[in-house]
Full PDB file with SEQRES, HELIX, SHEET, SSBOND, CRYST1, ORIGX, SCALE, CONECT and MASTER records, all heavy atoms in Angstrom:
SEQRES   1 A   37  GLY PHE LEU MET VAL SER GLN GLU LEU ALA THR VAL LYS          
SEQRES   2 A   37  GLU TYR ASP ILE PRO VAL VAL ILE CYS VAL LEU ASP ASN          
SEQRES   3 A   37  ARG TYR LEU GLY MET VAL ALA GLN TRP GLN ASN                  
HELIX    1 AA1 PHE A    2  VAL A    5  1                                   4    
HELIX    2 AA2 SER A    6  GLU A    8  5                                   3    
HELIX    3 AA3 LEU A    9  GLU A   14  1                                   6    
HELIX    4 AA4 GLY A   30  GLN A   36  1                                   7    
CRYST1    1.000    1.000    1.000  90.00  90.00  90.00 P 1           1          
ORIGX1      1.000000  0.000000  0.000000        0.00000                         
ORIGX2      0.000000  1.000000  0.000000        0.00000                         
ORIGX3      0.000000  0.000000  1.000000        0.00000                         
SCALE1      1.000000  0.000000  0.000000        0.00000                         
SCALE2      0.000000  1.000000  0.000000        0.00000                         
SCALE3      0.000000  0.000000  1.000000        0.00000                         
ATOM      1  N   GLY A   1     201.899  86.356  17.138  1.00  0.00           N  
ATOM      2  CA  GLY A   1     202.882  85.645  17.937  1.00  0.00           C  
ATOM      3  C   GLY A   1     202.254  84.558  18.784  1.00  0.00           C  
ATOM      4  O   GLY A   1     202.818  83.465  18.934  1.00  0.00           O  
ATOM      5  N   PHE A   2     201.071  84.826  19.347  1.00  0.00           N  
ATOM      6  CA  PHE A   2     200.423  83.822  20.185  1.00  0.00           C  
ATOM      7  C   PHE A   2     200.058  82.576  19.380  1.00  0.00           C  
ATOM      8  O   PHE A   2     200.187  81.451  19.871  1.00  0.00           O  
ATOM      9  CB  PHE A   2     199.168  84.407  20.845  1.00  0.00           C  
ATOM     10  CG  PHE A   2     198.419  83.388  21.667  1.00  0.00           C  
ATOM     11  CD1 PHE A   2     198.929  82.943  22.874  1.00  0.00           C  
ATOM     12  CD2 PHE A   2     197.227  82.847  21.211  1.00  0.00           C  
ATOM     13  CE1 PHE A   2     198.261  81.984  23.617  1.00  0.00           C  
ATOM     14  CE2 PHE A   2     196.546  81.895  21.945  1.00  0.00           C  
ATOM     15  CZ  PHE A   2     197.069  81.464  23.157  1.00  0.00           C  
ATOM     16  N   LEU A   3     199.629  82.767  18.134  1.00  0.00           N  
ATOM     17  CA  LEU A   3     199.260  81.616  17.322  1.00  0.00           C  
ATOM     18  C   LEU A   3     200.454  80.715  17.018  1.00  0.00           C  
ATOM     19  O   LEU A   3     200.275  79.542  16.679  1.00  0.00           O  
ATOM     20  CB  LEU A   3     198.608  82.079  16.015  1.00  0.00           C  
ATOM     21  CG  LEU A   3     197.148  82.514  16.144  1.00  0.00           C  
ATOM     22  CD1 LEU A   3     196.658  83.143  14.851  1.00  0.00           C  
ATOM     23  CD2 LEU A   3     196.263  81.331  16.525  1.00  0.00           C  
ATOM     24  N   MET A   4     201.663  81.231  17.138  1.00  0.00           N  
ATOM     25  CA  MET A   4     202.844  80.401  16.924  1.00  0.00           C  
ATOM     26  C   MET A   4     203.091  79.428  18.072  1.00  0.00           C  
ATOM     27  O   MET A   4     203.786  78.426  17.897  1.00  0.00           O  
ATOM     28  CB  MET A   4     204.082  81.278  16.743  1.00  0.00           C  
ATOM     29  CG  MET A   4     204.088  82.083  15.460  1.00  0.00           C  
ATOM     30  SD  MET A   4     205.645  82.993  15.300  1.00  0.00           S  
ATOM     31  CE  MET A   4     205.488  83.621  13.628  1.00  0.00           C  
ATOM     32  N   VAL A   5     202.557  79.724  19.251  1.00  0.00           N  
ATOM     33  CA  VAL A   5     202.857  78.911  20.442  1.00  0.00           C  
ATOM     34  C   VAL A   5     201.603  78.561  21.235  1.00  0.00           C  
ATOM     35  O   VAL A   5     201.689  78.169  22.398  1.00  0.00           O  
ATOM     36  CB  VAL A   5     203.862  79.641  21.362  1.00  0.00           C  
ATOM     37  CG1 VAL A   5     205.213  79.784  20.683  1.00  0.00           C  
ATOM     38  CG2 VAL A   5     203.334  81.014  21.772  1.00  0.00           C  
ATOM     39  N   SER A   6     200.442  78.686  20.615  1.00  0.00           N  
ATOM     40  CA  SER A   6     199.189  78.513  21.368  1.00  0.00           C  
ATOM     41  C   SER A   6     199.036  77.106  21.928  1.00  0.00           C  
ATOM     42  O   SER A   6     198.262  76.891  22.864  1.00  0.00           O  
ATOM     43  CB  SER A   6     197.981  78.849  20.483  1.00  0.00           C  
ATOM     44  OG  SER A   6     197.960  78.053  19.313  1.00  0.00           O  
ATOM     45  N   GLN A   7     199.790  76.126  21.374  1.00  0.00           N  
ATOM     46  CA  GLN A   7     199.701  74.762  21.896  1.00  0.00           C  
ATOM     47  C   GLN A   7     200.149  74.666  23.350  1.00  0.00           C  
ATOM     48  O   GLN A   7     199.808  73.709  24.046  1.00  0.00           O  
ATOM     49  CB  GLN A   7     200.528  73.806  21.032  1.00  0.00           C  
ATOM     50  CG  GLN A   7     202.034  73.898  21.210  1.00  0.00           C  
ATOM     51  CD  GLN A   7     202.667  75.067  20.484  1.00  0.00           C  
ATOM     52  OE1 GLN A   7     202.057  75.645  19.594  1.00  0.00           O  
ATOM     53  NE2 GLN A   7     203.889  75.422  20.867  1.00  0.00           N  
ATOM     54  N   GLU A   8     200.890  75.682  23.829  1.00  0.00           N  
ATOM     55  CA  GLU A   8     201.335  75.631  25.229  1.00  0.00           C  
ATOM     56  C   GLU A   8     200.199  75.891  26.213  1.00  0.00           C  
ATOM     57  O   GLU A   8     200.402  75.783  27.430  1.00  0.00           O  
ATOM     58  CB  GLU A   8     202.482  76.609  25.453  1.00  0.00           C  
ATOM     59  CG  GLU A   8     203.712  76.322  24.605  1.00  0.00           C  
ATOM     60  CD  GLU A   8     204.229  74.889  24.711  1.00  0.00           C  
ATOM     61  OE1 GLU A   8     204.207  74.323  25.828  1.00  0.00           O  
ATOM     62  OE2 GLU A   8     204.650  74.336  23.676  1.00  0.00           O  
ATOM     63  N   LEU A   9     199.011  76.183  25.699  1.00  0.00           N  
ATOM     64  CA  LEU A   9     197.833  76.190  26.582  1.00  0.00           C  
ATOM     65  C   LEU A   9     197.668  74.823  27.242  1.00  0.00           C  
ATOM     66  O   LEU A   9     197.213  74.726  28.387  1.00  0.00           O  
ATOM     67  CB  LEU A   9     196.576  76.570  25.795  1.00  0.00           C  
ATOM     68  CG  LEU A   9     196.459  78.029  25.355  1.00  0.00           C  
ATOM     69  CD1 LEU A   9     195.322  78.204  24.354  1.00  0.00           C  
ATOM     70  CD2 LEU A   9     196.254  78.949  26.560  1.00  0.00           C  
ATOM     71  N   ALA A  10     198.048  73.771  26.512  1.00  0.00           N  
ATOM     72  CA  ALA A  10     197.985  72.429  27.099  1.00  0.00           C  
ATOM     73  C   ALA A  10     198.956  72.306  28.271  1.00  0.00           C  
ATOM     74  O   ALA A  10     198.649  71.664  29.287  1.00  0.00           O  
ATOM     75  CB  ALA A  10     198.298  71.375  26.037  1.00  0.00           C  
ATOM     76  N   THR A  11     200.125  72.924  28.149  1.00  0.00           N  
ATOM     77  CA  THR A  11     201.132  72.854  29.217  1.00  0.00           C  
ATOM     78  C   THR A  11     200.638  73.546  30.478  1.00  0.00           C  
ATOM     79  O   THR A  11     200.729  72.986  31.584  1.00  0.00           O  
ATOM     80  CB  THR A  11     202.447  73.495  28.739  1.00  0.00           C  
ATOM     81  OG1 THR A  11     202.873  72.873  27.532  1.00  0.00           O  
ATOM     82  CG2 THR A  11     203.530  73.354  29.792  1.00  0.00           C  
ATOM     83  N   VAL A  12     200.116  74.771  30.351  1.00  0.00           N  
ATOM     84  CA  VAL A  12     199.682  75.491  31.552  1.00  0.00           C  
ATOM     85  C   VAL A  12     198.481  74.805  32.187  1.00  0.00           C  
ATOM     86  O   VAL A  12     198.301  74.858  33.416  1.00  0.00           O  
ATOM     87  CB  VAL A  12     199.375  76.976  31.256  1.00  0.00           C  
ATOM     88  CG1 VAL A  12     200.639  77.705  30.837  1.00  0.00           C  
ATOM     89  CG2 VAL A  12     198.281  77.153  30.212  1.00  0.00           C  
ATOM     90  N   LYS A  13     197.666  74.152  31.371  1.00  0.00           N  
ATOM     91  CA  LYS A  13     196.517  73.433  31.923  1.00  0.00           C  
ATOM     92  C   LYS A  13     196.965  72.174  32.659  1.00  0.00           C  
ATOM     93  O   LYS A  13     196.556  71.928  33.804  1.00  0.00           O  
ATOM     94  CB  LYS A  13     195.538  73.077  30.807  1.00  0.00           C  
ATOM     95  CG  LYS A  13     194.332  72.252  31.279  1.00  0.00           C  
ATOM     96  CD  LYS A  13     193.500  73.016  32.289  1.00  0.00           C  
ATOM     97  CE  LYS A  13     192.284  72.206  32.725  1.00  0.00           C  
ATOM     98  NZ  LYS A  13     191.482  72.915  33.752  1.00  0.00           N  
ATOM     99  N   GLU A  14     197.790  71.369  32.021  1.00  0.00           N  
ATOM    100  CA  GLU A  14     198.190  70.092  32.603  1.00  0.00           C  
ATOM    101  C   GLU A  14     199.026  70.263  33.867  1.00  0.00           C  
ATOM    102  O   GLU A  14     198.935  69.463  34.795  1.00  0.00           O  
ATOM    103  CB  GLU A  14     198.971  69.265  31.578  1.00  0.00           C  
ATOM    104  CG  GLU A  14     198.135  68.766  30.415  1.00  0.00           C  
ATOM    105  CD  GLU A  14     196.997  67.860  30.867  1.00  0.00           C  
ATOM    106  OE1 GLU A  14     197.204  67.043  31.788  1.00  0.00           O  
ATOM    107  OE2 GLU A  14     195.891  67.979  30.293  1.00  0.00           O  
ATOM    108  N   TYR A  15     199.831  71.319  33.924  1.00  0.00           N  
ATOM    109  CA  TYR A  15     200.694  71.535  35.084  1.00  0.00           C  
ATOM    110  C   TYR A  15     200.153  72.612  36.013  1.00  0.00           C  
ATOM    111  O   TYR A  15     200.819  72.982  36.982  1.00  0.00           O  
ATOM    112  CB  TYR A  15     202.112  71.888  34.625  1.00  0.00           C  
ATOM    113  CG  TYR A  15     202.825  70.721  33.983  1.00  0.00           C  
ATOM    114  CD1 TYR A  15     202.784  70.545  32.604  1.00  0.00           C  
ATOM    115  CD2 TYR A  15     203.508  69.781  34.736  1.00  0.00           C  
ATOM    116  CE1 TYR A  15     203.424  69.468  31.993  1.00  0.00           C  
ATOM    117  CE2 TYR A  15     204.150  68.705  34.147  1.00  0.00           C  
ATOM    118  CZ  TYR A  15     204.094  68.552  32.779  1.00  0.00           C  
ATOM    119  OH  TYR A  15     204.728  67.479  32.184  1.00  0.00           O  
ATOM    120  N   ASP A  16     198.966  73.120  35.714  1.00  0.00           N  
ATOM    121  CA  ASP A  16     198.308  74.134  36.547  1.00  0.00           C  
ATOM    122  C   ASP A  16     199.263  75.300  36.831  1.00  0.00           C  
ATOM    123  O   ASP A  16     199.562  75.629  37.980  1.00  0.00           O  
ATOM    124  CB  ASP A  16     197.813  73.513  37.855  1.00  0.00           C  
ATOM    125  CG  ASP A  16     196.902  74.468  38.621  1.00  0.00           C  
ATOM    126  OD1 ASP A  16     196.299  75.357  37.985  1.00  0.00           O  
ATOM    127  OD2 ASP A  16     196.804  74.329  39.850  1.00  0.00           O  
ATOM    128  N   ILE A  17     199.737  75.903  35.750  1.00  0.00           N  
ATOM    129  CA  ILE A  17     200.646  77.053  35.852  1.00  0.00           C  
ATOM    130  C   ILE A  17     199.809  78.308  35.622  1.00  0.00           C  
ATOM    131  O   ILE A  17     199.418  78.601  34.487  1.00  0.00           O  
ATOM    132  CB  ILE A  17     201.782  76.954  34.819  1.00  0.00           C  
ATOM    133  CG1 ILE A  17     202.566  75.644  35.029  1.00  0.00           C  
ATOM    134  CG2 ILE A  17     202.718  78.153  34.931  1.00  0.00           C  
ATOM    135  CD1 ILE A  17     203.577  75.342  33.938  1.00  0.00           C  
ATOM    136  N   PRO A  18     199.495  79.060  36.668  1.00  0.00           N  
ATOM    137  CA  PRO A  18     198.496  80.135  36.563  1.00  0.00           C  
ATOM    138  C   PRO A  18     199.027  81.434  35.988  1.00  0.00           C  
ATOM    139  O   PRO A  18     199.114  82.457  36.671  1.00  0.00           O  
ATOM    140  CB  PRO A  18     198.028  80.308  38.010  1.00  0.00           C  
ATOM    141  CG  PRO A  18     199.213  79.941  38.834  1.00  0.00           C  
ATOM    142  CD  PRO A  18     199.936  78.857  38.069  1.00  0.00           C  
ATOM    143  N   VAL A  19     199.398  81.422  34.712  1.00  0.00           N  
ATOM    144  CA  VAL A  19     199.735  82.659  34.035  1.00  0.00           C  
ATOM    145  C   VAL A  19     198.484  83.195  33.349  1.00  0.00           C  
ATOM    146  O   VAL A  19     197.561  82.452  33.032  1.00  0.00           O  
ATOM    147  CB  VAL A  19     200.858  82.463  32.997  1.00  0.00           C  
ATOM    148  CG1 VAL A  19     202.120  81.944  33.664  1.00  0.00           C  
ATOM    149  CG2 VAL A  19     200.420  81.523  31.881  1.00  0.00           C  
ATOM    150  N   VAL A  20     198.462  84.505  33.137  1.00  0.00           N  
ATOM    151  CA  VAL A  20     197.363  85.137  32.407  1.00  0.00           C  
ATOM    152  C   VAL A  20     197.908  85.629  31.075  1.00  0.00           C  
ATOM    153  O   VAL A  20     198.929  86.329  31.043  1.00  0.00           O  
ATOM    154  CB  VAL A  20     196.749  86.308  33.196  1.00  0.00           C  
ATOM    155  CG1 VAL A  20     195.592  86.926  32.406  1.00  0.00           C  
ATOM    156  CG2 VAL A  20     196.271  85.835  34.564  1.00  0.00           C  
ATOM    157  N   ILE A  21     197.240  85.254  29.996  1.00  0.00           N  
ATOM    158  CA  ILE A  21     197.681  85.659  28.663  1.00  0.00           C  
ATOM    159  C   ILE A  21     196.698  86.686  28.119  1.00  0.00           C  
ATOM    160  O   ILE A  21     195.502  86.388  27.965  1.00  0.00           O  
ATOM    161  CB  ILE A  21     197.749  84.468  27.692  1.00  0.00           C  
ATOM    162  CG1 ILE A  21     198.496  83.303  28.317  1.00  0.00           C  
ATOM    163  CG2 ILE A  21     198.390  84.888  26.372  1.00  0.00           C  
ATOM    164  CD1 ILE A  21     197.604  82.152  28.738  1.00  0.00           C  
ATOM    165  N   CYS A  22     197.192  87.903  27.860  1.00  0.00           N  
ATOM    166  CA  CYS A  22     196.380  88.938  27.213  1.00  0.00           C  
ATOM    167  C   CYS A  22     196.761  88.972  25.736  1.00  0.00           C  
ATOM    168  O   CYS A  22     197.867  89.377  25.384  1.00  0.00           O  
ATOM    169  CB  CYS A  22     196.641  90.311  27.844  1.00  0.00           C  
ATOM    170  SG  CYS A  22     196.077  90.463  29.541  1.00  0.00           S  
ATOM    171  N   VAL A  23     195.853  88.528  24.891  1.00  0.00           N  
ATOM    172  CA  VAL A  23     196.089  88.524  23.453  1.00  0.00           C  
ATOM    173  C   VAL A  23     195.527  89.814  22.870  1.00  0.00           C  
ATOM    174  O   VAL A  23     194.310  90.030  22.892  1.00  0.00           O  
ATOM    175  CB  VAL A  23     195.452  87.301  22.775  1.00  0.00           C  
ATOM    176  CG1 VAL A  23     195.688  87.354  21.257  1.00  0.00           C  
ATOM    177  CG2 VAL A  23     196.002  86.006  23.357  1.00  0.00           C  
ATOM    178  N   LEU A  24     196.411  90.683  22.381  1.00  0.00           N  
ATOM    179  CA  LEU A  24     195.975  91.921  21.744  1.00  0.00           C  
ATOM    180  C   LEU A  24     195.592  91.584  20.302  1.00  0.00           C  
ATOM    181  O   LEU A  24     196.452  91.340  19.455  1.00  0.00           O  
ATOM    182  CB  LEU A  24     197.069  92.976  21.806  1.00  0.00           C  
ATOM    183  CG  LEU A  24     197.621  93.294  23.210  1.00  0.00           C  
ATOM    184  CD1 LEU A  24     198.479  94.556  23.171  1.00  0.00           C  
ATOM    185  CD2 LEU A  24     196.502  93.442  24.236  1.00  0.00           C  
ATOM    186  N   ASP A  25     194.314  91.573  20.061  1.00  0.00           N  
ATOM    187  CA  ASP A  25     193.724  90.951  18.873  1.00  0.00           C  
ATOM    188  C   ASP A  25     193.296  92.020  17.869  1.00  0.00           C  
ATOM    189  O   ASP A  25     192.268  92.670  18.039  1.00  0.00           O  
ATOM    190  CB  ASP A  25     192.523  90.108  19.343  1.00  0.00           C  
ATOM    191  CG  ASP A  25     191.801  89.398  18.229  1.00  0.00           C  
ATOM    192  OD1 ASP A  25     192.185  89.565  17.061  1.00  0.00           O  
ATOM    193  OD2 ASP A  25     190.844  88.657  18.541  1.00  0.00           O  
ATOM    194  N   ASN A  26     194.135  92.224  16.822  1.00  0.00           N  
ATOM    195  CA  ASN A  26     193.739  93.136  15.756  1.00  0.00           C  
ATOM    196  C   ASN A  26     193.695  92.451  14.389  1.00  0.00           C  
ATOM    197  O   ASN A  26     193.507  93.097  13.364  1.00  0.00           O  
ATOM    198  CB  ASN A  26     194.661  94.366  15.699  1.00  0.00           C  
ATOM    199  CG  ASN A  26     196.110  93.993  15.430  1.00  0.00           C  
ATOM    200  OD1 ASN A  26     196.431  92.846  15.116  1.00  0.00           O  
ATOM    201  ND2 ASN A  26     196.995  94.967  15.555  1.00  0.00           N  
ATOM    202  N   ARG A  27     193.904  91.131  14.416  1.00  0.00           N  
ATOM    203  CA  ARG A  27     193.827  90.289  13.219  1.00  0.00           C  
ATOM    204  C   ARG A  27     194.869  90.653  12.167  1.00  0.00           C  
ATOM    205  O   ARG A  27     194.695  90.346  10.993  1.00  0.00           O  
ATOM    206  CB  ARG A  27     192.416  90.323  12.630  1.00  0.00           C  
ATOM    207  CG  ARG A  27     191.362  89.786  13.581  1.00  0.00           C  
ATOM    208  CD  ARG A  27     191.522  88.295  13.811  1.00  0.00           C  
ATOM    209  NE  ARG A  27     190.918  87.865  15.072  1.00  0.00           N  
ATOM    210  CZ  ARG A  27     190.738  86.587  15.414  1.00  0.00           C  
ATOM    211  NH1 ARG A  27     191.114  85.626  14.593  1.00  0.00           N  
ATOM    212  NH2 ARG A  27     190.211  86.278  16.576  1.00  0.00           N  
ATOM    213  N   TYR A  28     195.943  91.295  12.605  1.00  0.00           N  
ATOM    214  CA  TYR A  28     197.041  91.640  11.696  1.00  0.00           C  
ATOM    215  C   TYR A  28     198.382  91.247  12.320  1.00  0.00           C  
ATOM    216  O   TYR A  28     198.504  91.184  13.553  1.00  0.00           O  
ATOM    217  CB  TYR A  28     197.072  93.139  11.401  1.00  0.00           C  
ATOM    218  CG  TYR A  28     196.142  93.575  10.297  1.00  0.00           C  
ATOM    219  CD1 TYR A  28     194.843  93.998  10.593  1.00  0.00           C  
ATOM    220  CD2 TYR A  28     196.553  93.565   8.962  1.00  0.00           C  
ATOM    221  CE1 TYR A  28     193.979  94.387   9.578  1.00  0.00           C  
ATOM    222  CE2 TYR A  28     195.695  93.964   7.949  1.00  0.00           C  
ATOM    223  CZ  TYR A  28     194.415  94.376   8.254  1.00  0.00           C  
ATOM    224  OH  TYR A  28     193.569  94.763   7.247  1.00  0.00           O  
ATOM    225  N   LEU A  29     199.354  90.983  11.467  1.00  0.00           N  
ATOM    226  CA  LEU A  29     200.737  90.999  11.909  1.00  0.00           C  
ATOM    227  C   LEU A  29     201.103  92.475  12.026  1.00  0.00           C  
ATOM    228  O   LEU A  29     201.587  93.105  11.084  1.00  0.00           O  
ATOM    229  CB  LEU A  29     201.633  90.284  10.900  1.00  0.00           C  
ATOM    230  CG  LEU A  29     201.328  88.790  10.696  1.00  0.00           C  
ATOM    231  CD1 LEU A  29     202.196  88.210   9.598  1.00  0.00           C  
ATOM    232  CD2 LEU A  29     201.505  88.014  11.997  1.00  0.00           C  
ATOM    233  N   GLY A  30     200.820  93.037  13.202  1.00  0.00           N  
ATOM    234  CA  GLY A  30     200.701  94.481  13.355  1.00  0.00           C  
ATOM    235  C   GLY A  30     201.933  95.275  12.993  1.00  0.00           C  
ATOM    236  O   GLY A  30     201.835  96.296  12.310  1.00  0.00           O  
ATOM    237  N   MET A  31     203.114  94.845  13.439  1.00  0.00           N  
ATOM    238  CA  MET A  31     204.308  95.635  13.161  1.00  0.00           C  
ATOM    239  C   MET A  31     204.670  95.596  11.678  1.00  0.00           C  
ATOM    240  O   MET A  31     205.067  96.616  11.095  1.00  0.00           O  
ATOM    241  CB  MET A  31     205.489  95.145  14.010  1.00  0.00           C  
ATOM    242  CG  MET A  31     206.739  96.000  13.867  1.00  0.00           C  
ATOM    243  SD  MET A  31     206.482  97.733  14.331  1.00  0.00           S  
ATOM    244  CE  MET A  31     206.558  97.599  16.123  1.00  0.00           C  
ATOM    245  N   VAL A  32     204.521  94.425  11.055  1.00  0.00           N  
ATOM    246  CA  VAL A  32     204.814  94.337   9.623  1.00  0.00           C  
ATOM    247  C   VAL A  32     203.822  95.199   8.846  1.00  0.00           C  
ATOM    248  O   VAL A  32     204.190  95.930   7.921  1.00  0.00           O  
ATOM    249  CB  VAL A  32     204.759  92.878   9.141  1.00  0.00           C  
ATOM    250  CG1 VAL A  32     205.164  92.794   7.664  1.00  0.00           C  
ATOM    251  CG2 VAL A  32     205.668  91.992   9.977  1.00  0.00           C  
ATOM    252  N   ALA A  33     202.539  95.132   9.240  1.00  0.00           N  
ATOM    253  CA  ALA A  33     201.528  95.958   8.579  1.00  0.00           C  
ATOM    254  C   ALA A  33     201.809  97.440   8.791  1.00  0.00           C  
ATOM    255  O   ALA A  33     201.592  98.256   7.882  1.00  0.00           O  
ATOM    256  CB  ALA A  33     200.140  95.598   9.109  1.00  0.00           C  
ATOM    257  N   GLN A  34     202.306  97.815   9.982  1.00  0.00           N  
ATOM    258  CA  GLN A  34     202.641  99.212  10.236  1.00  0.00           C  
ATOM    259  C   GLN A  34     203.724  99.688   9.279  1.00  0.00           C  
ATOM    260  O   GLN A  34     203.622 100.777   8.703  1.00  0.00           O  
ATOM    261  CB  GLN A  34     203.104  99.390  11.686  1.00  0.00           C  
ATOM    262  CG  GLN A  34     203.619 100.793  11.991  1.00  0.00           C  
ATOM    263  CD  GLN A  34     203.858 101.048  13.473  1.00  0.00           C  
ATOM    264  OE1 GLN A  34     203.079 100.585  14.305  1.00  0.00           O  
ATOM    265  NE2 GLN A  34     204.910 101.775  13.801  1.00  0.00           N  
ATOM    266  N   TRP A  35     204.750  98.882   9.086  1.00  0.00           N  
ATOM    267  CA  TRP A  35     205.807  99.254   8.149  1.00  0.00           C  
ATOM    268  C   TRP A  35     205.262  99.325   6.720  1.00  0.00           C  
ATOM    269  O   TRP A  35     205.656 100.202   5.938  1.00  0.00           O  
ATOM    270  CB  TRP A  35     206.962  98.246   8.224  1.00  0.00           C  
ATOM    271  CG  TRP A  35     207.857  98.449   9.405  1.00  0.00           C  
ATOM    272  CD1 TRP A  35     207.477  98.534  10.717  1.00  0.00           C  
ATOM    273  CD2 TRP A  35     209.273  98.594   9.393  1.00  0.00           C  
ATOM    274  NE1 TRP A  35     208.572  98.706  11.525  1.00  0.00           N  
ATOM    275  CE2 TRP A  35     209.691  98.743  10.737  1.00  0.00           C  
ATOM    276  CE3 TRP A  35     210.232  98.589   8.391  1.00  0.00           C  
ATOM    277  CZ2 TRP A  35     211.033  98.904  11.085  1.00  0.00           C  
ATOM    278  CZ3 TRP A  35     211.569  98.741   8.733  1.00  0.00           C  
ATOM    279  CH2 TRP A  35     211.961  98.907  10.074  1.00  0.00           C  
ATOM    280  N   GLN A  36     204.390  98.387   6.373  1.00  0.00           N  
ATOM    281  CA  GLN A  36     203.804  98.422   5.026  1.00  0.00           C  
ATOM    282  C   GLN A  36     202.977  99.690   4.828  1.00  0.00           C  
ATOM    283  O   GLN A  36     203.009 100.302   3.752  1.00  0.00           O  
ATOM    284  CB  GLN A  36     202.945  97.170   4.794  1.00  0.00           C  
ATOM    285  CG  GLN A  36     203.770  95.904   4.641  1.00  0.00           C  
ATOM    286  CD  GLN A  36     202.916  94.652   4.582  1.00  0.00           C  
ATOM    287  OE1 GLN A  36     201.768  94.635   5.042  1.00  0.00           O  
ATOM    288  NE2 GLN A  36     203.465  93.581   4.010  1.00  0.00           N  
ATOM    289  N   ASN A  37     202.259 100.094   5.859  1.00  0.00           N  
ATOM    290  CA  ASN A  37     201.455 101.319   5.775  1.00  0.00           C  
ATOM    291  C   ASN A  37     202.335 102.554   5.660  1.00  0.00           C  
ATOM    292  O   ASN A  37     202.040 103.476   4.883  1.00  0.00           O  
ATOM    293  CB  ASN A  37     200.543 101.443   7.001  1.00  0.00           C  
ATOM    294  CG  ASN A  37     199.256 100.661   6.860  1.00  0.00           C  
ATOM    295  OD1 ASN A  37     198.629 100.675   5.801  1.00  0.00           O  
ATOM    296  ND2 ASN A  37     198.860  99.961   7.908  1.00  0.00           N  
TER     297      ASN A  37                                                      
MASTER        0    0    0    4    0    0    0    6  296    1    0    3          
END                                                                             
């Protein structure tokens, strides 16, 4: 999901919007893979 909108890193940088993004990184489309499993 983050890779779909990662360009908004430019927005938070340019406007100094201090959000914290925790990317849960398992290199899978996890829910779809769970159903496939």
